[in-house]
Amino acid sequence: QVQLVESGGGLVQPGGSLRLSCTASGGTFSVYTMVWYRQAPGNQRDFVAQITTSETTVYTNAVKGRFTISRDNAKNTVYLQMNSLKPEDTAVYYCSAFSRIQFWGKGTLVTVSS
């Protein structure tokens, strides 16, 4: 029903910036709470940030002050602006949408390394 496609991942040096995008199709984007998760090798998939339909935002402490989640309902897209990147931010980043059920994208890899 709902398809989510992430983009914007890649290799960046510590201290650098990257912006991830997630575009939704097949549903009513404006009524979904949107969430970013990440999963590093050998770890669980962890919450990163969320934005509600009223654009209230929540962040995990590990990224607070460095990452910003936003949404553009006209483009059916949620963004994750990542600044001051650290090696521990290296992970596959996943976009998720909450409707009647939870939908997931396939992820985009972010590697922070010198």
N, C-alpha and C. Protein backbone atom coordinates (compact mmCIF):
# COMPACT_ATOMS: atom_id res chain seq x y z
N GLN A 1 0.83 -1.20 0.00
CA GLN A 1 0.00 0.00 0.00
C GLN A 1 0.86 1.26 0.00
N VAL A 2 1.63 1.47 1.07
CA VAL A 2 2.51 2.62 1.17
C VAL A 2 3.93 2.18 0.84
N GLN A 3 4.56 2.89 -0.08
CA GLN A 3 5.94 2.63 -0.45
C GLN A 3 6.81 3.81 -0.02
N LEU A 4 7.92 3.51 0.64
CA LEU A 4 8.85 4.53 1.10
C LEU A 4 10.21 4.28 0.46
N VAL A 5 10.81 5.33 -0.08
CA VAL A 5 12.10 5.22 -0.74
C VAL A 5 13.04 6.27 -0.16
N GLU A 6 14.12 5.81 0.49
CA GLU A 6 15.12 6.70 1.05
C GLU A 6 16.20 7.01 0.02
N SER A 7 16.83 8.17 0.17
CA SER A 7 17.95 8.55 -0.67
C SER A 7 18.83 9.54 0.09
N GLY A 8 20.04 9.75 -0.41
CA GLY A 8 20.93 10.75 0.15
C GLY A 8 22.08 10.21 0.97
N GLY A 9 22.14 8.91 1.18
CA GLY A 9 23.23 8.32 1.93
C GLY A 9 24.53 8.35 1.14
N GLY A 10 25.63 8.09 1.85
CA GLY A 10 26.93 8.09 1.21
C GLY A 10 28.04 8.16 2.22
N LEU A 11 29.24 8.43 1.73
CA LEU A 11 30.44 8.55 2.56
C LEU A 11 30.72 10.01 2.85
N VAL A 12 30.93 10.33 4.13
CA VAL A 12 31.22 11.70 4.54
C VAL A 12 32.27 11.66 5.64
N GLN A 13 33.11 12.70 5.70
CA GLN A 13 34.13 12.79 6.74
C GLN A 13 33.54 13.25 8.06
N PRO A 14 34.16 12.88 9.19
CA PRO A 14 33.70 13.39 10.48
C PRO A 14 33.61 14.92 10.47
N GLY A 15 32.53 15.43 11.06
CA GLY A 15 32.28 16.86 11.05
C GLY A 15 31.49 17.35 9.86
N GLY A 16 31.31 16.51 8.88
CA GLY A 16 30.58 16.88 7.68
C GLY A 16 29.08 16.78 7.84
N SER A 17 28.38 17.06 6.75
CA SER A 17 26.92 17.08 6.75
C SER A 17 26.36 16.24 5.61
N LEU A 18 25.14 15.80 5.80
CA LEU A 18 24.44 15.01 4.80
C LEU A 18 22.95 15.22 5.02
N ARG A 19 22.17 15.20 3.95
CA ARG A 19 20.71 15.28 4.09
C ARG A 19 20.06 14.08 3.44
N LEU A 20 19.32 13.33 4.24
CA LEU A 20 18.58 12.18 3.76
C LEU A 20 17.16 12.60 3.39
N SER A 21 16.61 11.94 2.39
CA SER A 21 15.23 12.17 1.98
C SER A 21 14.48 10.85 1.96
N CYS A 22 13.19 10.90 2.22
CA CYS A 22 12.32 9.74 2.13
C CYS A 22 11.03 10.18 1.48
N THR A 23 10.73 9.63 0.32
CA THR A 23 9.53 9.98 -0.42
C THR A 23 8.53 8.85 -0.35
N ALA A 24 7.28 9.20 -0.05
CA ALA A 24 6.21 8.22 0.11
C ALA A 24 5.27 8.24 -1.09
N SER A 25 4.73 7.08 -1.40
CA SER A 25 3.70 6.97 -2.43
C SER A 25 2.69 5.92 -2.00
N GLY A 26 1.48 6.01 -2.56
CA GLY A 26 0.46 5.00 -2.29
C GLY A 26 -0.38 5.22 -1.04
N GLY A 27 -0.31 6.40 -0.45
CA GLY A 27 -1.09 6.71 0.74
C GLY A 27 -1.32 8.20 0.88
N THR A 28 -1.81 8.59 2.05
CA THR A 28 -2.05 10.00 2.35
C THR A 28 -0.97 10.47 3.30
N PHE A 29 0.10 11.01 2.74
CA PHE A 29 1.30 11.34 3.50
C PHE A 29 1.03 12.30 4.65
N SER A 30 0.16 13.28 4.43
CA SER A 30 -0.05 14.35 5.41
C SER A 30 -0.63 13.87 6.73
N VAL A 31 -1.20 12.66 6.78
CA VAL A 31 -1.80 12.14 8.02
C VAL A 31 -0.88 11.15 8.74
N TYR A 32 0.33 10.94 8.24
CA TYR A 32 1.25 9.98 8.84
C TYR A 32 2.26 10.66 9.75
N THR A 33 2.50 10.07 10.91
CA THR A 33 3.70 10.38 11.66
C THR A 33 4.87 9.69 10.97
N MET A 34 5.94 10.43 10.74
CA MET A 34 7.11 9.90 10.05
C MET A 34 8.28 9.79 11.01
N VAL A 35 9.03 8.70 10.88
CA VAL A 35 10.12 8.40 11.81
C VAL A 35 11.35 7.94 11.06
N TRP A 36 12.52 8.38 11.52
CA TRP A 36 13.80 7.86 11.06
C TRP A 36 14.39 6.94 12.12
N TYR A 37 14.88 5.78 11.68
CA TYR A 37 15.60 4.83 12.51
C TYR A 37 16.97 4.59 11.89
N ARG A 38 17.87 3.98 12.66
CA ARG A 38 19.15 3.57 12.10
C ARG A 38 19.61 2.28 12.73
N GLN A 39 20.40 1.54 11.97
CA GLN A 39 20.92 0.26 12.44
C GLN A 39 22.38 0.13 12.02
N ALA A 40 23.27 0.10 13.01
CA ALA A 40 24.68 -0.12 12.77
C ALA A 40 24.96 -1.61 12.75
N PRO A 41 26.04 -2.04 12.11
CA PRO A 41 26.35 -3.47 12.05
C PRO A 41 26.42 -4.09 13.45
N GLY A 42 25.71 -5.20 13.65
CA GLY A 42 25.71 -5.90 14.92
C GLY A 42 24.79 -5.31 15.97
N ASN A 43 24.10 -4.22 15.66
CA ASN A 43 23.24 -3.55 16.63
C ASN A 43 21.76 -3.69 16.27
N GLN A 44 20.91 -3.29 17.22
CA GLN A 44 19.48 -3.21 16.98
C GLN A 44 19.17 -2.01 16.09
N ARG A 45 17.97 -2.01 15.54
CA ARG A 45 17.47 -0.84 14.83
C ARG A 45 16.94 0.14 15.87
N ASP A 46 17.53 1.33 15.92
CA ASP A 46 17.23 2.30 16.96
C ASP A 46 16.51 3.53 16.42
N PHE A 47 15.67 4.10 17.25
CA PHE A 47 14.98 5.34 16.94
C PHE A 47 15.96 6.49 16.82
N VAL A 48 15.75 7.36 15.83
CA VAL A 48 16.57 8.55 15.65
C VAL A 48 15.76 9.82 15.84
N ALA A 49 14.67 9.96 15.08
CA ALA A 49 13.87 11.18 15.13
C ALA A 49 12.48 10.91 14.57
N GLN A 50 11.50 11.70 15.02
CA GLN A 50 10.17 11.60 14.45
C GLN A 50 9.55 12.97 14.28
N ILE A 51 8.59 13.06 13.38
CA ILE A 51 7.82 14.28 13.18
C ILE A 51 6.37 13.90 12.98
N THR A 52 5.47 14.54 13.74
CA THR A 52 4.06 14.23 13.69
C THR A 52 3.38 15.02 12.58
N THR A 53 2.06 14.80 12.45
CA THR A 53 1.28 15.54 11.46
C THR A 53 1.22 17.03 11.77
N SER A 54 1.36 17.39 13.05
CA SER A 54 1.39 18.79 13.45
C SER A 54 2.81 19.35 13.49
N GLU A 55 3.79 18.57 13.02
CA GLU A 55 5.20 18.95 12.92
C GLU A 55 5.87 19.10 14.28
N THR A 56 5.33 18.42 15.29
CA THR A 56 6.05 18.26 16.55
C THR A 56 7.18 17.25 16.33
N THR A 57 8.37 17.55 16.85
CA THR A 57 9.53 16.70 16.62
C THR A 57 10.08 16.12 17.91
N VAL A 58 10.68 14.94 17.82
CA VAL A 58 11.34 14.26 18.92
C VAL A 58 12.64 13.67 18.40
N TYR A 59 13.71 13.75 19.19
CA TYR A 59 15.01 13.23 18.81
C TYR A 59 15.59 12.36 19.91
N THR A 60 16.36 11.36 19.53
CA THR A 60 17.15 10.64 20.51
C THR A 60 18.29 11.55 20.97
N ASN A 61 18.71 11.39 22.21
CA ASN A 61 19.73 12.26 22.77
C ASN A 61 21.04 12.23 21.99
N ALA A 62 21.35 11.12 21.35
CA ALA A 62 22.60 10.98 20.64
C ALA A 62 22.72 11.94 19.45
N VAL A 63 21.59 12.41 18.92
CA VAL A 63 21.62 13.28 17.74
C VAL A 63 21.06 14.66 18.02
N LYS A 64 20.53 14.89 19.21
CA LYS A 64 19.90 16.16 19.54
C LYS A 64 20.88 17.32 19.37
N GLY A 65 20.46 18.35 18.66
CA GLY A 65 21.30 19.49 18.40
C GLY A 65 22.13 19.37 17.14
N ARG A 66 22.21 18.17 16.56
CA ARG A 66 22.98 17.95 15.35
C ARG A 66 22.10 17.59 14.15
N PHE A 67 21.02 16.87 14.40
CA PHE A 67 20.12 16.42 13.33
C PHE A 67 18.82 17.21 13.39
N THR A 68 18.20 17.41 12.24
CA THR A 68 16.90 18.07 12.15
C THR A 68 16.00 17.29 11.22
N ILE A 69 14.83 16.90 11.71
CA ILE A 69 13.83 16.24 10.88
C ILE A 69 12.81 17.27 10.42
N SER A 70 12.37 17.17 9.18
CA SER A 70 11.37 18.07 8.64
C SER A 70 10.54 17.33 7.61
N ARG A 71 9.42 17.93 7.20
CA ARG A 71 8.58 17.30 6.20
C ARG A 71 8.02 18.34 5.25
N ASP A 72 7.77 17.90 4.02
CA ASP A 72 7.15 18.73 3.00
C ASP A 72 5.99 17.91 2.46
N ASN A 73 4.79 18.20 2.95
CA ASN A 73 3.62 17.41 2.57
C ASN A 73 3.28 17.54 1.09
N ALA A 74 3.59 18.69 0.49
CA ALA A 74 3.32 18.88 -0.93
C ALA A 74 4.17 17.95 -1.79
N LYS A 75 5.34 17.55 -1.27
CA LYS A 75 6.24 16.65 -1.99
C LYS A 75 6.21 15.23 -1.44
N ASN A 76 5.35 14.96 -0.47
CA ASN A 76 5.26 13.64 0.18
C ASN A 76 6.63 13.16 0.66
N THR A 77 7.39 14.07 1.26
CA THR A 77 8.78 13.78 1.60
C THR A 77 9.10 14.21 3.03
N VAL A 78 9.85 13.37 3.72
CA VAL A 78 10.42 13.71 5.01
C VAL A 78 11.94 13.74 4.86
N TYR A 79 12.59 14.67 5.57
CA TYR A 79 14.03 14.86 5.46
C TYR A 79 14.70 14.64 6.81
N LEU A 80 15.97 14.28 6.77
CA LEU A 80 16.81 14.26 7.96
C LEU A 80 18.10 14.98 7.63
N GLN A 81 18.24 16.21 8.12
CA GLN A 81 19.47 16.97 7.95
C GLN A 81 20.43 16.58 9.06
N MET A 82 21.60 16.08 8.68
CA MET A 82 22.58 15.58 9.64
C MET A 82 23.83 16.45 9.56
N ASN A 83 24.14 17.15 10.64
CA ASN A 83 25.32 18.00 10.73
C ASN A 83 26.27 17.47 11.79
N SER A 84 27.51 17.93 11.75
CA SER A 84 28.53 17.53 12.72
C SER A 84 28.59 16.01 12.88
N LEU A 85 28.64 15.32 11.77
CA LEU A 85 28.57 13.86 11.79
C LEU A 85 29.78 13.24 12.48
N LYS A 86 29.52 12.15 13.19
CA LYS A 86 30.52 11.41 13.94
C LYS A 86 30.61 9.99 13.40
N PRO A 87 31.76 9.32 13.59
CA PRO A 87 31.86 7.93 13.14
C PRO A 87 30.76 7.03 13.70
N GLU A 88 30.31 7.29 14.93
CA GLU A 88 29.26 6.49 15.53
C GLU A 88 27.88 6.69 14.89
N ASP A 89 27.76 7.67 13.99
CA ASP A 89 26.54 7.84 13.22
C ASP A 89 26.46 6.88 12.03
N THR A 90 27.54 6.17 11.76
CA THR A 90 27.56 5.22 10.66
C THR A 90 26.51 4.14 10.86
N ALA A 91 25.63 3.99 9.89
CA ALA A 91 24.53 3.03 9.99
C ALA A 91 23.74 3.05 8.70
N VAL A 92 22.86 2.06 8.56
CA VAL A 92 21.82 2.12 7.56
C VAL A 92 20.65 2.89 8.17
N TYR A 93 20.20 3.93 7.50
CA TYR A 93 19.12 4.77 7.99
C TYR A 93 17.83 4.38 7.28
N TYR A 94 16.78 4.14 8.07
CA TYR A 94 15.49 3.70 7.56
C TYR A 94 14.41 4.72 7.84
N CYS A 95 13.55 4.92 6.88
CA CYS A 95 12.37 5.76 7.02
C CYS A 95 11.17 4.88 7.33
N SER A 96 10.27 5.36 8.18
CA SER A 96 9.08 4.61 8.54
C SER A 96 7.87 5.54 8.62
N ALA A 97 6.72 5.01 8.25
CA ALA A 97 5.46 5.76 8.29
C ALA A 97 4.44 5.01 9.12
N PHE A 98 3.74 5.74 9.99
CA PHE A 98 2.68 5.16 10.80
C PHE A 98 1.32 5.54 10.23
N SER A 99 0.61 4.57 9.72
CA SER A 99 -0.79 4.72 9.34
C SER A 99 -1.58 3.74 10.20
N ARG A 100 -2.41 2.88 9.61
CA ARG A 100 -3.05 1.81 10.38
C ARG A 100 -2.00 0.80 10.85
N ILE A 101 -0.97 0.62 10.04
CA ILE A 101 0.17 -0.21 10.37
C ILE A 101 1.44 0.58 10.09
N GLN A 102 2.59 0.01 10.45
CA GLN A 102 3.86 0.67 10.24
C GLN A 102 4.49 0.17 8.95
N PHE A 103 4.91 1.11 8.10
CA PHE A 103 5.59 0.81 6.85
C PHE A 103 7.05 1.22 6.93
N TRP A 104 7.89 0.50 6.20
CA TRP A 104 9.34 0.71 6.22
C TRP A 104 9.90 0.88 4.82
N GLY A 105 10.90 1.75 4.69
CA GLY A 105 11.71 1.77 3.50
C GLY A 105 12.80 0.72 3.59
N LYS A 106 13.61 0.60 2.55
CA LYS A 106 14.67 -0.40 2.52
C LYS A 106 16.00 0.11 3.05
N GLY A 107 16.10 1.40 3.32
CA GLY A 107 17.26 1.96 3.97
C GLY A 107 18.26 2.59 3.01
N THR A 108 19.07 3.49 3.55
CA THR A 108 20.17 4.11 2.83
C THR A 108 21.38 4.16 3.76
N LEU A 109 22.55 3.78 3.24
CA LEU A 109 23.75 3.65 4.06
C LEU A 109 24.47 4.98 4.21
N VAL A 110 24.76 5.34 5.47
CA VAL A 110 25.57 6.50 5.80
C VAL A 110 26.85 6.02 6.45
N THR A 111 27.99 6.38 5.87
CA THR A 111 29.29 6.01 6.41
C THR A 111 30.06 7.27 6.74
N VAL A 112 30.45 7.43 8.01
CA VAL A 112 31.20 8.59 8.48
C VAL A 112 32.61 8.10 8.81
N SER A 113 33.57 8.49 8.00
CA SER A 113 34.93 7.98 8.15
C SER A 113 35.92 8.91 7.47
N SER A 114 37.15 8.94 8.00
CA SER A 114 38.22 9.67 7.37
C SER A 114 38.87 8.86 6.26
